[in-house]
C-alpha atoms as a PDB file:
ATOM      1  CA  MET A   1     -14.411 -15.484   5.299  1.00  0.00           C
ATOM      2  CA  SER A   2     -14.547 -13.376   2.129  1.00  0.00           C
ATOM      3  CA  LYS A   3     -13.685 -14.912  -1.209  1.00  0.00           C
ATOM      4  CA  LYS A   4     -10.023 -14.465  -2.085  1.00  0.00           C
ATOM      5  CA  ASN A   5      -8.188 -14.446  -5.396  1.00  0.00           C
ATOM      6  CA  ASN A   6      -5.395 -16.781  -6.327  1.00  0.00           C
ATOM      7  CA  ASP A   7      -3.103 -13.801  -5.942  1.00  0.00           C
ATOM      8  CA  ILE A   8      -3.188 -10.373  -4.304  1.00  0.00           C
ATOM      9  CA  PRO A   9      -5.625  -8.099  -6.225  1.00  0.00           C
ATOM     10  CA  VAL A  10      -4.030  -5.285  -8.213  1.00  0.00           C
ATOM     11  CA  ILE A  11      -5.941  -2.136  -9.155  1.00  0.00           C
ATOM     12  CA  LYS A  12      -4.883  -1.574 -12.750  1.00  0.00           C
ATOM     13  CA  LEU A  13      -4.308   1.791 -14.353  1.00  0.00           C
ATOM     14  CA  PRO A  14      -6.365   2.947 -17.341  1.00  0.00           C
ATOM     15  CA  ASP A  15      -5.537   1.937 -20.906  1.00  0.00           C
ATOM     16  CA  GLY A  16      -5.323   4.289 -23.864  1.00  0.00           C
ATOM     17  CA  ILE A  17      -4.368   7.971 -23.738  1.00  0.00           C
ATOM     18  CA  GLY A  18      -2.624   8.712 -20.480  1.00  0.00           C
ATOM     19  CA  GLU A  19      -1.960   5.000 -19.938  1.00  0.00           C
ATOM     20  CA  GLY A  20      -0.191   4.343 -16.657  1.00  0.00           C
ATOM     21  CA  ILE A  21      -1.343   7.531 -14.889  1.00  0.00           C
ATOM     22  CA  ILE A  22      -4.455   8.321 -12.890  1.00  0.00           C
ATOM     23  CA  ILE A  23      -5.189  11.379 -10.759  1.00  0.00           C
ATOM     24  CA  ALA A  24      -8.337  12.545  -8.968  1.00  0.00           C
ATOM     25  CA  LYS A  25      -9.711  14.440  -5.999  1.00  0.00           C
ATOM     26  CA  ALA A  26     -12.665  13.279  -3.930  1.00  0.00           C
ATOM     27  CA  SER A  27     -14.373  13.638  -0.571  1.00  0.00           C
ATOM     28  CA  PHE A  28     -15.473  10.697   1.560  1.00  0.00           C
ATOM     29  CA  ASP A  29     -17.228  10.092   4.852  1.00  0.00           C
ATOM     30  CA  ASP A  30     -18.417   7.049   6.811  1.00  0.00           C
ATOM     31  CA  SER A  31     -21.314   6.448   4.451  1.00  0.00           C
ATOM     32  CA  SER A  32     -19.247   6.533   1.256  1.00  0.00           C
ATOM     33  CA  ASP A  33     -19.089   3.501  -0.956  1.00  0.00           C
ATOM     34  CA  PHE A  34     -15.438   2.648  -1.353  1.00  0.00           C
ATOM     35  CA  LYS A  35     -15.511  -1.127  -1.789  1.00  0.00           C
ATOM     36  CA  GLU A  36     -12.657  -1.189  -4.273  1.00  0.00           C
ATOM     37  CA  VAL A  37     -10.137   0.380  -1.903  1.00  0.00           C
ATOM     38  CA  ALA A  38     -11.609  -1.234   1.236  1.00  0.00           C
ATOM     39  CA  ARG A  39     -10.450  -4.619  -0.025  1.00  0.00           C
ATOM     40  CA  ALA A  40      -6.749  -5.369   0.477  1.00  0.00           C
ATOM     41  CA  HIS A  41      -4.925  -4.735  -2.790  1.00  0.00           C
ATOM     42  CA  ARG A  42      -1.849  -3.484  -4.533  1.00  0.00           C
ATOM     43  CA  ASP A  43      -1.860  -0.591  -6.980  1.00  0.00           C
ATOM     44  CA  GLY A  44      -0.549  -0.869 -10.507  1.00  0.00           C
ATOM     45  CA  GLY A  45       1.974   1.887  -9.874  1.00  0.00           C
ATOM     46  CA  HIS A  46       3.427   4.221  -7.270  1.00  0.00           C
ATOM     47  CA  SER A  47       0.600   5.673  -5.166  1.00  0.00           C
ATOM     48  CA  PHE A  48       0.375   9.097  -3.541  1.00  0.00           C
ATOM     49  CA  PHE A  49      -2.365  10.424  -1.261  1.00  0.00           C
ATOM     50  CA  LEU A  50      -2.635  14.056  -0.223  1.00  0.00           C
ATOM     51  CA  GLN A  51      -4.871  14.242   2.864  1.00  0.00           C
ATOM     52  CA  GLU A  52      -6.266  17.766   2.520  1.00  0.00           C
ATOM     53  CA  LYS A  53      -9.091  17.491   5.072  1.00  0.00           C
ATOM     54  CA  GLY A  54     -10.346  15.015   7.652  1.00  0.00           C
ATOM     55  CA  VAL A  55      -8.923  11.656   8.663  1.00  0.00           C
ATOM     56  CA  THR A  56      -8.227   8.392   6.853  1.00  0.00           C
ATOM     57  CA  HIS A  57      -7.601   5.093   8.615  1.00  0.00           C
ATOM     58  CA  ILE A  58      -5.541   2.856   6.355  1.00  0.00           C
ATOM     59  CA  GLU A  59      -3.818  -0.481   6.850  1.00  0.00           C
ATOM     60  CA  ILE A  60      -0.483  -0.912   5.063  1.00  0.00           C
ATOM     61  CA  ASP A  61       1.287  -4.261   5.322  1.00  0.00           C
ATOM     62  CA  PHE A  62      -0.532  -5.245   8.529  1.00  0.00           C
ATOM     63  CA  GLN A  63       0.085  -1.909  10.255  1.00  0.00           C
ATOM     64  CA  LEU A  64      -2.802   0.504  10.880  1.00  0.00           C
ATOM     65  CA  TYR A  65      -2.231   4.218  10.319  1.00  0.00           C
ATOM     66  CA  GLN A  66      -4.434   7.182  11.234  1.00  0.00           C
ATOM     67  CA  VAL A  67      -3.689   9.888   8.700  1.00  0.00           C
ATOM     68  CA  GLU A  68      -4.869  13.331   9.818  1.00  0.00           C
ATOM     69  CA  ALA A  69      -4.876  16.336   7.511  1.00  0.00           C
ATOM     70  CA  PRO A  70      -2.682  17.942   6.437  1.00  0.00           C
ATOM     71  CA  ALA A  71      -0.512  14.992   5.422  1.00  0.00           C
ATOM     72  CA  VAL A  72       0.844  13.078   2.456  1.00  0.00           C
ATOM     73  CA  PHE A  73       1.743   9.443   2.127  1.00  0.00           C
ATOM     74  CA  TYR A  74       3.467   7.383  -0.521  1.00  0.00           C
ATOM     75  CA  MET A  75       3.161   3.653  -1.169  1.00  0.00           C
ATOM     76  CA  HIS A  76       5.386   1.469  -3.301  1.00  0.00           C
ATOM     77  CA  PRO A  77       3.638  -0.855  -5.796  1.00  0.00           C
ATOM     78  CA  ASN A  78       4.701  -3.867  -3.716  1.00  0.00           C
ATOM     79  CA  GLN A  79       2.863  -2.689  -0.607  1.00  0.00           C
ATOM     80  CA  VAL A  80      -0.531  -4.206   0.204  1.00  0.00           C
ATOM     81  CA  HIS A  81      -3.060  -1.827   1.692  1.00  0.00           C
ATOM     82  CA  ARG A  82      -6.743  -1.213   2.330  1.00  0.00           C
ATOM     83  CA  VAL A  83      -8.814   1.709   3.531  1.00  0.00           C
ATOM     84  CA  VAL A  84     -10.445   0.982   6.880  1.00  0.00           C
ATOM     85  CA  GLU A  85     -12.409   4.209   7.304  1.00  0.00           C
ATOM     86  CA  PHE A  86     -12.788   7.738   6.006  1.00  0.00           C
ATOM     87  CA  ASN A  87     -13.872  10.515   8.350  1.00  0.00           C
ATOM     88  CA  LYS A  88     -14.903  13.680   6.482  1.00  0.00           C
ATOM     89  CA  ALA A  89     -11.856  13.193   4.285  1.00  0.00           C
ATOM     90  CA  THR A  90     -10.884  15.165   1.208  1.00  0.00           C
ATOM     91  CA  ILE A  91      -8.052  13.503  -0.678  1.00  0.00           C
ATOM     92  CA  SER A  92      -6.128  14.196  -3.862  1.00  0.00           C
ATOM     93  CA  SER A  93      -4.581  10.978  -5.102  1.00  0.00           C
ATOM     94  CA  TRP A  94      -2.489   9.905  -8.037  1.00  0.00           C
ATOM     95  CA  ILE A  95      -0.899   6.679  -9.249  1.00  0.00           C
ATOM     96  CA  ILE A  96       1.904   6.575 -11.778  1.00  0.00           C
ATOM     97  CA  SER A  97       3.616   3.553 -13.312  1.00  0.00           C
ATOM     98  CA  ASN A  98       7.365   2.944 -13.449  1.00  0.00           C
ATOM     99  CA  GLU A  99       7.375   3.679 -17.177  1.00  0.00           C
ATOM    100  CA  ASN A 100       5.957   7.167 -16.659  1.00  0.00           C
ATOM    101  CA  LEU A 101       8.280   8.187 -13.845  1.00  0.00           C
ATOM    102  CA  LEU A 102      11.477  10.043 -14.613  1.00  0.00           C
ATOM    103  CA  PRO A 103      14.382   7.667 -13.839  1.00  0.00           C
ATOM    104  CA  GLU A 104      15.845   9.921 -11.160  1.00  0.00           C
ATOM    105  CA  TYR A 105      12.501  10.085  -9.333  1.00  0.00           C
ATOM    106  CA  LEU A 106      12.019   6.335  -9.594  1.00  0.00           C
ATOM    107  CA  HIS A 107      15.438   5.873  -8.013  1.00  0.00           C
ATOM    108  CA  ILE A 108      14.570   8.229  -5.147  1.00  0.00           C
ATOM    109  CA  LEU A 109      11.260   6.461  -4.480  1.00  0.00           C
ATOM    110  CA  GLU A 110      12.916   3.044  -4.465  1.00  0.00           C
ATOM    111  CA  GLU A 111      15.375   4.292  -1.868  1.00  0.00           C
ATOM    112  CA  LEU A 112      12.652   5.932   0.245  1.00  0.00           C
ATOM    113  CA  SER A 113      10.337   2.914   0.432  1.00  0.00           C
ATOM    114  CA  PRO A 114       8.808   2.039   2.779  1.00  0.00           C
ATOM    115  CA  VAL A 115       7.836   5.293   4.484  1.00  0.00           C
ATOM    116  CA  ASN A 116       5.193   6.417   6.962  1.00  0.00           C
ATOM    117  CA  PRO A 117       2.502   9.049   6.328  1.00  0.00           C
ATOM    118  CA  LEU A 118       4.120  12.473   6.574  1.00  0.00           C
ATOM    119  CA  PRO A 119       2.493  15.484   8.315  1.00  0.00           C
ATOM    120  CA  LEU A 120       2.710  18.686   6.279  1.00  0.00           C
ATOM    121  CA  GLN A 121       3.175  22.324   7.132  1.00  0.00           C
ATOM    122  CA  THR A 122       0.505  24.707   5.809  1.00  0.00           C
ATOM    123  CA  GLU A 123       2.784  26.071   3.082  1.00  0.00           C
ATOM    124  CA  ALA A 124       3.684  22.579   1.827  1.00  0.00           C
ATOM    125  CA  LEU A 125       0.014  21.573   1.771  1.00  0.00           C
ATOM    126  CA  ALA A 126      -0.862  24.671  -0.249  1.00  0.00           C
ATOM    127  CA  ILE A 127       1.733  24.064  -2.982  1.00  0.00           C
ATOM    128  CA  LEU A 128       0.896  20.369  -3.229  1.00  0.00           C
ATOM    129  CA  SER A 129      -2.840  21.030  -3.329  1.00  0.00           C
ATOM    130  CA  GLN A 130      -2.474  23.723  -5.993  1.00  0.00           C
ATOM    131  CA  THR A 131      -0.215  21.514  -8.111  1.00  0.00           C
ATOM    132  CA  ALA A 132      -2.583  18.538  -7.766  1.00  0.00           C
ATOM    133  CA  SER A 133      -5.504  20.724  -8.856  1.00  0.00           C
ATOM    134  CA  LEU A 134      -3.557  21.846 -11.923  1.00  0.00           C
ATOM    135  CA  CYS A 135      -2.693  18.237 -12.764  1.00  0.00           C
ATOM    136  CA  ILE A 136      -6.345  17.247 -12.486  1.00  0.00           C
ATOM    137  CA  GLN A 137      -7.328  20.087 -14.832  1.00  0.00           C
ATOM    138  CA  LEU A 138      -4.681  18.985 -17.319  1.00  0.00           C
ATOM    139  CA  SER A 139      -5.859  15.365 -17.078  1.00  0.00           C
ATOM    140  CA  GLU A 140      -9.285  16.506 -18.287  1.00  0.00           C
ATOM    141  CA  ARG A 141      -7.923  18.322 -21.357  1.00  0.00           C
ATOM    142  CA  LYS A 142      -7.721  15.273 -23.605  1.00  0.00           C
ATOM    143  CA  HIS A 143      -8.079  17.442 -26.714  1.00  0.00           C
ATOM    144  CA  GLU A 144      -4.600  18.896 -26.189  1.00  0.00           C
ATOM    145  CA  LYS A 145      -2.129  17.810 -28.874  1.00  0.00           C
ATOM    146  CA  LEU A 146       0.465  17.147 -26.187  1.00  0.00           C
ATOM    147  CA  TYR A 147      -2.009  15.724 -23.679  1.00  0.00           C
ATOM    148  CA  TYR A 148       0.094  12.734 -22.603  1.00  0.00           C
ATOM    149  CA  GLN A 149       3.244  14.826 -22.236  1.00  0.00           C
ATOM    150  CA  LEU A 150       1.406  17.440 -20.169  1.00  0.00           C
ATOM    151  CA  LEU A 151      -0.098  14.786 -17.911  1.00  0.00           C
ATOM    152  CA  LYS A 152       3.192  12.943 -17.474  1.00  0.00           C
ATOM    153  CA  GLU A 153       5.272  16.038 -16.784  1.00  0.00           C
ATOM    154  CA  SER A 154       2.777  17.523 -14.325  1.00  0.00           C
ATOM    155  CA  CYS A 155       2.471  14.258 -12.365  1.00  0.00           C
ATOM    156  CA  ASN A 156       6.237  13.940 -12.223  1.00  0.00           C
ATOM    157  CA  LEU A 157       6.318  17.436 -10.747  1.00  0.00           C
ATOM    158  CA  LEU A 158       3.890  16.273  -8.055  1.00  0.00           C
ATOM    159  CA  VAL A 159       6.053  13.226  -7.367  1.00  0.00           C
ATOM    160  CA  ALA A 160       9.119  15.460  -7.025  1.00  0.00           C
ATOM    161  CA  LEU A 161       7.316  17.717  -4.552  1.00  0.00           C
ATOM    162  CA  VAL A 162       6.288  14.756  -2.386  1.00  0.00           C
ATOM    163  CA  ALA A 163       9.727  13.161  -2.568  1.00  0.00           C
ATOM    164  CA  SER A 164      11.242  16.496  -1.565  1.00  0.00           C
ATOM    165  CA  GLN A 165       9.057  16.557   1.551  1.00  0.00           C
ATOM    166  CA  TYR A 166      10.204  13.087   2.552  1.00  0.00           C
ATOM    167  CA  LEU A 167      13.848  13.849   1.821  1.00  0.00           C
ATOM    168  CA  ALA A 168      13.637  16.960   3.990  1.00  0.00           C
ATOM    169  CA  GLN A 169      12.831  14.676   6.931  1.00  0.00           C
ATOM    170  CA  ALA A 170      15.608  12.216   6.107  1.00  0.00           C
ATOM    171  CA  LYS A 171      19.250  12.273   7.068  1.00  0.00           C
ATOM    172  CA  PRO A 172      21.137  14.754   4.818  1.00  0.00           C
ATOM    173  CA  ALA A 173      23.086  12.988   2.078  1.00  0.00           C
ATOM    174  CA  TYR A 174      26.321  14.706   3.074  1.00  0.00           C
ATOM    175  CA  ASN A 175      26.028  13.042   6.500  1.00  0.00           C
ATOM    176  CA  TYR A 176      25.847   9.535   5.050  1.00  0.00           C
ATOM    177  CA  THR A 177      28.738   7.335   6.082  1.00  0.00           C
ATOM    178  CA  ARG A 178      30.103   4.592   3.848  1.00  0.00           C
ATOM    179  CA  PHE A 179      28.199   2.144   6.056  1.00  0.00           C
ATOM    180  CA  ASP A 180      24.969   4.069   5.339  1.00  0.00           C
ATOM    181  CA  LEU A 181      25.561   4.028   1.584  1.00  0.00           C
ATOM    182  CA  ILE A 182      26.355   0.328   1.481  1.00  0.00           C
ATOM    183  CA  THR A 183      23.293  -0.477   3.587  1.00  0.00           C
ATOM    184  CA  LYS A 184      21.082   1.555   1.232  1.00  0.00           C
ATOM    185  CA  ALA A 185      22.576  -0.254  -1.766  1.00  0.00           C
ATOM    186  CA  PHE A 186      22.000  -3.630  -0.093  1.00  0.00           C
ATOM    187  CA  LYS A 187      18.359  -2.809   0.667  1.00  0.00           C
ATOM    188  CA  SER A 188      17.777  -1.744  -2.941  1.00  0.00           C
ATOM    189  CA  GLU A 189      19.276  -4.999  -4.195  1.00  0.00           C
ATOM    190  CA  LEU A 190      17.259  -6.974  -1.656  1.00  0.00           C
ATOM    191  CA  GLU A 191      13.978  -5.451  -2.862  1.00  0.00           C
ATOM    192  CA  ARG A 192      14.784  -6.437  -6.430  1.00  0.00           C
ATOM    193  CA  GLN A 193      16.246  -9.885  -5.776  1.00  0.00           C
ATOM    194  CA  PHE A 194      14.727 -11.369  -2.597  1.00  0.00           C
ATOM    195  CA  THR A 195      12.819 -14.134  -4.412  1.00  0.00           C
ATOM    196  CA  THR A 196      15.942 -15.395  -6.173  1.00  0.00           C
ATOM    197  CA  THR A 197      18.906 -14.369  -4.021  1.00  0.00           C
ATOM    198  CA  LYS A 198      18.995 -15.634  -0.446  1.00  0.00           C
ATOM    199  CA  SER A 199      22.605 -15.636   0.761  1.00  0.00           C
ATOM    200  CA  PRO A 200      24.549 -12.693   2.231  1.00  0.00           C
ATOM    201  CA  ALA A 201      27.523 -13.727   0.114  1.00  0.00           C
ATOM    202  CA  SER A 202      25.533 -13.231  -3.092  1.00  0.00           C
ATOM    203  CA  TYR A 203      24.565  -9.691  -2.097  1.00  0.00           C
ATOM    204  CA  ALA A 204      28.146  -8.927  -1.089  1.00  0.00           C
ATOM    205  CA  GLU A 205      29.312 -10.127  -4.488  1.00  0.00           C
ATOM    206  CA  ARG A 206      26.780  -7.897  -6.232  1.00  0.00           C
ATOM    207  CA  LEU A 207      28.101  -4.927  -4.260  1.00  0.00           C
ATOM    208  CA  ASN A 208      31.763  -5.899  -4.856  1.00  0.00           C
ATOM    209  CA  ILE A 209      32.600  -6.146  -1.154  1.00  0.00           C
ATOM    210  CA  SER A 210      33.331  -8.987   1.242  1.00  0.00           C
ATOM    211  CA  THR A 211      30.550 -10.724   3.142  1.00  0.00           C
ATOM    212  CA  PRO A 212      31.955  -9.825   6.593  1.00  0.00           C
ATOM    213  CA  TYR A 213      32.209  -6.165   5.564  1.00  0.00           C
ATOM    214  CA  LEU A 214      28.633  -6.131   4.260  1.00  0.00           C
ATOM    215  CA  ASN A 215      27.443  -7.630   7.528  1.00  0.00           C
ATOM    216  CA  GLU A 216      29.425  -5.071   9.511  1.00  0.00           C
ATOM    217  CA  CYS A 217      27.922  -2.183   7.537  1.00  0.00           C
ATOM    218  CA  VAL A 218      24.334  -3.408   7.756  1.00  0.00           C
ATOM    219  CA  LYS A 219      24.492  -4.412  11.401  1.00  0.00           C
ATOM    220  CA  THR A 220      26.125  -1.136  12.440  1.00  0.00           C
ATOM    221  CA  THR A 221      23.520   0.893  10.545  1.00  0.00           C
ATOM    222  CA  THR A 222      20.372  -1.086  11.369  1.00  0.00           C
ATOM    223  CA  GLY A 223      21.210  -3.228  14.388  1.00  0.00           C
ATOM    224  CA  HIS A 224      20.460  -6.400  12.434  1.00  0.00           C
ATOM    225  CA  SER A 225      22.446  -8.752  10.234  1.00  0.00           C
ATOM    226  CA  VAL A 226      22.130  -9.182   6.477  1.00  0.00           C
ATOM    227  CA  SER A 227      20.509 -12.603   7.008  1.00  0.00           C
ATOM    228  CA  TYR A 228      17.886 -11.034   9.273  1.00  0.00           C
ATOM    229  CA  HIS A 229      16.895  -8.486   6.612  1.00  0.00           C
ATOM    230  CA  ILE A 230      16.703 -11.177   3.922  1.00  0.00           C
ATOM    231  CA  GLN A 231      14.445 -13.319   6.098  1.00  0.00           C
ATOM    232  CA  GLN A 232      12.246 -10.384   7.113  1.00  0.00           C
ATOM    233  CA  ARG A 233      11.659  -9.386   3.482  1.00  0.00           C
ATOM    234  CA  ILE A 234      10.741 -12.949   2.545  1.00  0.00           C
ATOM    235  CA  VAL A 235       8.438 -13.352   5.544  1.00  0.00           C
ATOM    236  CA  LEU A 236       6.682 -10.039   4.803  1.00  0.00           C
ATOM    237  CA  GLU A 237       5.893 -11.201   1.276  1.00  0.00           C
ATOM    238  CA  ALA A 238       4.752 -14.571   2.630  1.00  0.00           C
ATOM    239  CA  LYS A 239       2.418 -12.824   5.099  1.00  0.00           C
ATOM    240  CA  ARG A 240       0.961 -10.742   2.286  1.00  0.00           C
ATOM    241  CA  LEU A 241       0.203 -13.843   0.241  1.00  0.00           C
ATOM    242  CA  LEU A 242      -1.068 -15.885   3.188  1.00  0.00           C
ATOM    243  CA  HIS A 243      -3.468 -13.164   4.261  1.00  0.00           C
ATOM    244  CA  HIS A 244      -4.623 -11.755   0.947  1.00  0.00           C
ATOM    245  CA  SER A 245      -4.616 -14.730  -1.428  1.00  0.00           C
ATOM    246  CA  ASP A 246      -5.805 -18.323  -1.398  1.00  0.00           C
ATOM    247  CA  LYS A 247      -2.502 -19.776  -2.594  1.00  0.00           C
ATOM    248  CA  SER A 248      -1.370 -22.822  -0.654  1.00  0.00           C
ATOM    249  CA  VAL A 249       1.682 -22.591   1.588  1.00  0.00           C
ATOM    250  CA  LYS A 250       3.516 -24.830  -0.866  1.00  0.00           C
ATOM    251  CA  GLU A 251       2.663 -22.481  -3.757  1.00  0.00           C
ATOM    252  CA  ILE A 252       3.792 -19.471  -1.728  1.00  0.00           C
ATOM    253  CA  ALA A 253       7.064 -21.196  -0.868  1.00  0.00           C
ATOM    254  CA  ALA A 254       7.680 -21.855  -4.567  1.00  0.00           C
ATOM    255  CA  ASP A 255       6.804 -18.266  -5.503  1.00  0.00           C
ATOM    256  CA  LEU A 256       9.393 -17.064  -3.008  1.00  0.00           C
ATOM    257  CA  GLY A 257      12.094 -19.327  -4.377  1.00  0.00           C
ATOM    258  CA  TYR A 258      11.946 -22.281  -1.974  1.00  0.00           C
ATOM    259  CA  GLU A 259      11.805 -25.776  -3.425  1.00  0.00           C
ATOM    260  CA  ASP A 260      12.226 -27.204   0.072  1.00  0.00           C
ATOM    261  CA  TYR A 261       8.760 -26.614   1.522  1.00  0.00           C
ATOM    262  CA  SER A 262       9.746 -27.818   5.016  1.00  0.00           C
ATOM    263  CA  TYR A 263      12.660 -25.393   5.168  1.00  0.00           C
ATOM    264  CA  PHE A 264      10.375 -22.511   4.216  1.00  0.00           C
ATOM    265  CA  VAL A 265       7.902 -23.448   6.974  1.00  0.00           C
ATOM    266  CA  ARG A 266      10.711 -23.538   9.546  1.00  0.00           C
ATOM    267  CA  LEU A 267      12.076 -20.178   8.380  1.00  0.00           C
ATOM    268  CA  PHE A 268       8.634 -18.549   8.530  1.00  0.00           C
ATOM    269  CA  SER A 269       7.799 -20.067  11.912  1.00  0.00           C
ATOM    270  CA  LYS A 270      11.076 -18.923  13.444  1.00  0.00           C
ATOM    271  CA  SER A 271      10.595 -15.349  12.236  1.00  0.00           C
ATOM    272  CA  ALA A 272       6.824 -14.954  12.735  1.00  0.00           C
ATOM    273  CA  GLY A 273       6.511 -17.058  15.880  1.00  0.00           C
ATOM    274  CA  VAL A 274       3.739 -19.151  14.295  1.00  0.00           C
ATOM    275  CA  THR A 275       3.476 -21.538  11.363  1.00  0.00           C
ATOM    276  CA  PRO A 276       2.196 -20.218   8.019  1.00  0.00           C
ATOM    277  CA  LEU A 277      -1.139 -22.007   8.446  1.00  0.00           C
ATOM    278  CA  THR A 278      -1.575 -20.632  11.959  1.00  0.00           C
ATOM    279  CA  PHE A 279      -0.805 -17.120  10.724  1.00  0.00           C
ATOM    280  CA  ARG A 280      -3.415 -17.536   7.982  1.00  0.00           C
ATOM    281  CA  SER A 281      -6.081 -18.834  10.352  1.00  0.00           C
ATOM    282  CA  LYS A 282      -5.493 -15.960  12.794  1.00  0.00           C
ATOM    283  CA  ASN A 283      -5.720 -13.326  10.065  1.00  0.00           C
ATOM    284  CA  LEU A 284      -8.772 -14.345   8.087  1.00  0.00           C
ATOM    285  CA  ASP A 285     -10.500 -11.484   6.290  1.00  0.00           C
END
């Protein structure tokens, strides 16, 4: 078993000029040394990968994806991932922190997450690749008086282009029902509050609707109750910590807002089908 940290590793973004933004393009194959990204980790910001050539095998939150060019994929800072293999891959990648994202783009990304890798048409690949190349050139021009502004604005343009691709595949906003909108609002609240807010009634209160109506909206839209979604979000975070950190089950329970350790174990076991310790032992690195 490999040595683990007390928490899930986070790849931090650079300090100084351009703080909170990193962008690069590189080619990899089976013999490439990519130890940093081969270890399960989170990124210190919103991550984007433009698969321009070849194939990348990547695991995101316990699900394995085979990303074949041309494609793009976006990962939220909360998502834990690791590269399993590169196969003659050329990738443009960029990471941008919340502080550097335009508020409207941050809102869109929060609503999108989580998403799957997205295949691209040739035209979309071309515009994204050209824009990424320009951003990389700008990132190297540190002598510019407005260097940070140029880097920030160009990366936000890239984010907008990727978000636009994902939105094009999504249900048009004008087709959203009230049930859809309430479910989206609930999921956004859940992502922000799942460690502190556990009851459907609390989420209903935040959304200024009744608990039965919230349940009706969410169940109609997703096929599952509000309680189910709350439990699934908690269990996902527990799985991340069990697999990628050496925190004890009791510490994980406390991190997720459970003073009653036994209750947390029962909740996890019911949802995952195994106890937390069994899950950990079956998923050793």
